[in-house]
Amino acid sequence: MEPGEEITEILDECMKLLDDNLAVLTDIEYSLDYEKEDIVVDKMTKDELIDMVHDVADSSRIKKAEASFVRRFFESTYF
């Protein structure tokens, strides 16, 4: 194995670890934020429930977009 290939493999492993850890840390952060907002609501209207589902879907899309952005940033910086 050539020295350049070894460095590339090490960087690939580091990028994978960063990507995996970023996802875990992001999940923890969102979980902690949502725990603060957890309120038991005994009666919700259908419209309120639909709005909540849209908010969750938007949050998920934003989280994925942030993770992709960070991954692309590191890839463009180191490759």
C-alpha atoms as a PDB file:
ATOM      1  CA  MET A   1       0.000   0.000   0.000  1.00  0.00           C
ATOM      2  CA  GLU A   2       1.360   3.407  -0.955  1.00  0.00           C
ATOM      3  CA  PRO A   3       1.607   6.216   1.644  1.00  0.00           C
ATOM      4  CA  GLY A   4      -1.006   8.322  -0.144  1.00  0.00           C
ATOM      5  CA  GLU A   5      -3.527   5.479  -0.104  1.00  0.00           C
ATOM      6  CA  GLU A   6      -3.041   4.969   3.634  1.00  0.00           C
ATOM      7  CA  ILE A   7      -3.763   8.635   4.357  1.00  0.00           C
ATOM      8  CA  THR A   8      -6.859   8.503   2.163  1.00  0.00           C
ATOM      9  CA  GLU A   9      -8.157   5.470   4.047  1.00  0.00           C
ATOM     10  CA  ILE A  10      -7.497   7.141   7.405  1.00  0.00           C
ATOM     11  CA  LEU A  11      -9.323  10.284   6.262  1.00  0.00           C
ATOM     12  CA  ASP A  12     -12.238   8.181   4.993  1.00  0.00           C
ATOM     13  CA  GLU A  13     -12.496   6.483   8.381  1.00  0.00           C
ATOM     14  CA  CYS A  14     -12.345   9.841  10.174  1.00  0.00           C
ATOM     15  CA  MET A  15     -15.082  11.257   7.932  1.00  0.00           C
ATOM     16  CA  LYS A  16     -17.263   8.231   8.602  1.00  0.00           C
ATOM     17  CA  LEU A  17     -16.728   8.553  12.364  1.00  0.00           C
ATOM     18  CA  LEU A  18     -17.539  12.268  12.243  1.00  0.00           C
ATOM     19  CA  ASP A  19     -20.669  11.611  10.206  1.00  0.00           C
ATOM     20  CA  ASP A  20     -21.831   8.848  12.578  1.00  0.00           C
ATOM     21  CA  ASN A  21     -21.108  10.891  15.692  1.00  0.00           C
ATOM     22  CA  LEU A  22     -22.740  13.988  14.256  1.00  0.00           C
ATOM     23  CA  ALA A  23     -25.950  12.046  13.698  1.00  0.00           C
ATOM     24  CA  VAL A  24     -25.863  10.674  17.247  1.00  0.00           C
ATOM     25  CA  LEU A  25     -25.131  14.064  18.801  1.00  0.00           C
ATOM     26  CA  THR A  26     -27.838  15.711  16.719  1.00  0.00           C
ATOM     27  CA  ASP A  27     -30.337  13.080  17.833  1.00  0.00           C
ATOM     28  CA  ILE A  28     -29.388  13.662  21.466  1.00  0.00           C
ATOM     29  CA  GLU A  29     -29.704  17.413  21.060  1.00  0.00           C
ATOM     30  CA  TYR A  30     -33.153  17.138  19.497  1.00  0.00           C
ATOM     31  CA  SER A  31     -34.255  14.654  22.146  1.00  0.00           C
ATOM     32  CA  LEU A  32     -33.212  17.011  24.923  1.00  0.00           C
ATOM     33  CA  ASP A  33     -34.990  19.921  23.261  1.00  0.00           C
ATOM     34  CA  TYR A  34     -38.173  17.919  22.795  1.00  0.00           C
ATOM     35  CA  GLU A  35     -38.126  16.707  26.410  1.00  0.00           C
ATOM     36  CA  LYS A  36     -38.293  20.322  27.524  1.00  0.00           C
ATOM     37  CA  GLU A  37     -41.366  20.830  25.360  1.00  0.00           C
ATOM     38  CA  ASP A  38     -43.162  17.611  26.317  1.00  0.00           C
ATOM     39  CA  ILE A  39     -46.611  18.559  27.519  1.00  0.00           C
ATOM     40  CA  VAL A  40     -49.467  16.151  27.831  1.00  0.00           C
ATOM     41  CA  VAL A  41     -52.428  17.397  25.828  1.00  0.00           C
ATOM     42  CA  ASP A  42     -55.613  15.509  26.443  1.00  0.00           C
ATOM     43  CA  LYS A  43     -57.642  16.933  23.578  1.00  0.00           C
ATOM     44  CA  MET A  44     -56.142  17.861  20.245  1.00  0.00           C
ATOM     45  CA  THR A  45     -58.010  18.824  17.174  1.00  0.00           C
ATOM     46  CA  LYS A  46     -57.334  17.145  13.882  1.00  0.00           C
ATOM     47  CA  ASP A  47     -55.768  20.370  12.557  1.00  0.00           C
ATOM     48  CA  GLU A  48     -53.409  20.615  15.535  1.00  0.00           C
ATOM     49  CA  LEU A  49     -52.327  17.015  15.032  1.00  0.00           C
ATOM     50  CA  ILE A  50     -51.698  17.591  11.319  1.00  0.00           C
ATOM     51  CA  ASP A  51     -49.671  20.730  12.120  1.00  0.00           C
ATOM     52  CA  MET A  52     -47.598  18.749  14.611  1.00  0.00           C
ATOM     53  CA  VAL A  53     -46.888  16.046  12.019  1.00  0.00           C
ATOM     54  CA  HIS A  54     -45.746  18.705   9.537  1.00  0.00           C
ATOM     55  CA  ASP A  55     -43.462  20.245  12.183  1.00  0.00           C
ATOM     56  CA  VAL A  56     -41.856  16.884  12.910  1.00  0.00           C
ATOM     57  CA  ALA A  57     -41.349  16.196   9.191  1.00  0.00           C
ATOM     58  CA  ASP A  58     -39.792  19.644   8.683  1.00  0.00           C
ATOM     59  CA  SER A  59     -37.502  19.135  11.673  1.00  0.00           C
ATOM     60  CA  SER A  60     -36.361  15.799  10.283  1.00  0.00           C
ATOM     61  CA  ARG A  61     -35.622  17.324   6.871  1.00  0.00           C
ATOM     62  CA  ILE A  62     -33.663  20.148   8.479  1.00  0.00           C
ATOM     63  CA  LYS A  63     -31.620  17.694  10.559  1.00  0.00           C
ATOM     64  CA  LYS A  64     -30.764  15.636   7.463  1.00  0.00           C
ATOM     65  CA  ALA A  65     -29.870  18.773   5.502  1.00  0.00           C
ATOM     66  CA  GLU A  66     -27.555  19.958   8.285  1.00  0.00           C
ATOM     67  CA  ALA A  67     -25.797  16.591   8.429  1.00  0.00           C
ATOM     68  CA  SER A  68     -25.383  16.549   4.639  1.00  0.00           C
ATOM     69  CA  PHE A  69     -24.037  20.090   4.650  1.00  0.00           C
ATOM     70  CA  VAL A  70     -21.427  19.263   7.295  1.00  0.00           C
ATOM     71  CA  ARG A  71     -20.416  16.094   5.449  1.00  0.00           C
ATOM     72  CA  ARG A  72     -20.023  17.985   2.145  1.00  0.00           C
ATOM     73  CA  PHE A  73     -18.106  20.762   3.914  1.00  0.00           C
ATOM     74  CA  PHE A  74     -15.577  18.326   5.367  1.00  0.00           C
ATOM     75  CA  GLU A  75     -15.298  16.424   2.093  1.00  0.00           C
ATOM     76  CA  SER A  76     -14.600  19.614   0.153  1.00  0.00           C
ATOM     77  CA  THR A  77     -12.146  20.825   2.779  1.00  0.00           C
ATOM     78  CA  TYR A  78     -10.086  17.652   2.980  1.00  0.00           C
ATOM     79  CA  PHE A  79     -10.354  16.267  -0.549  1.00  0.00           C
END
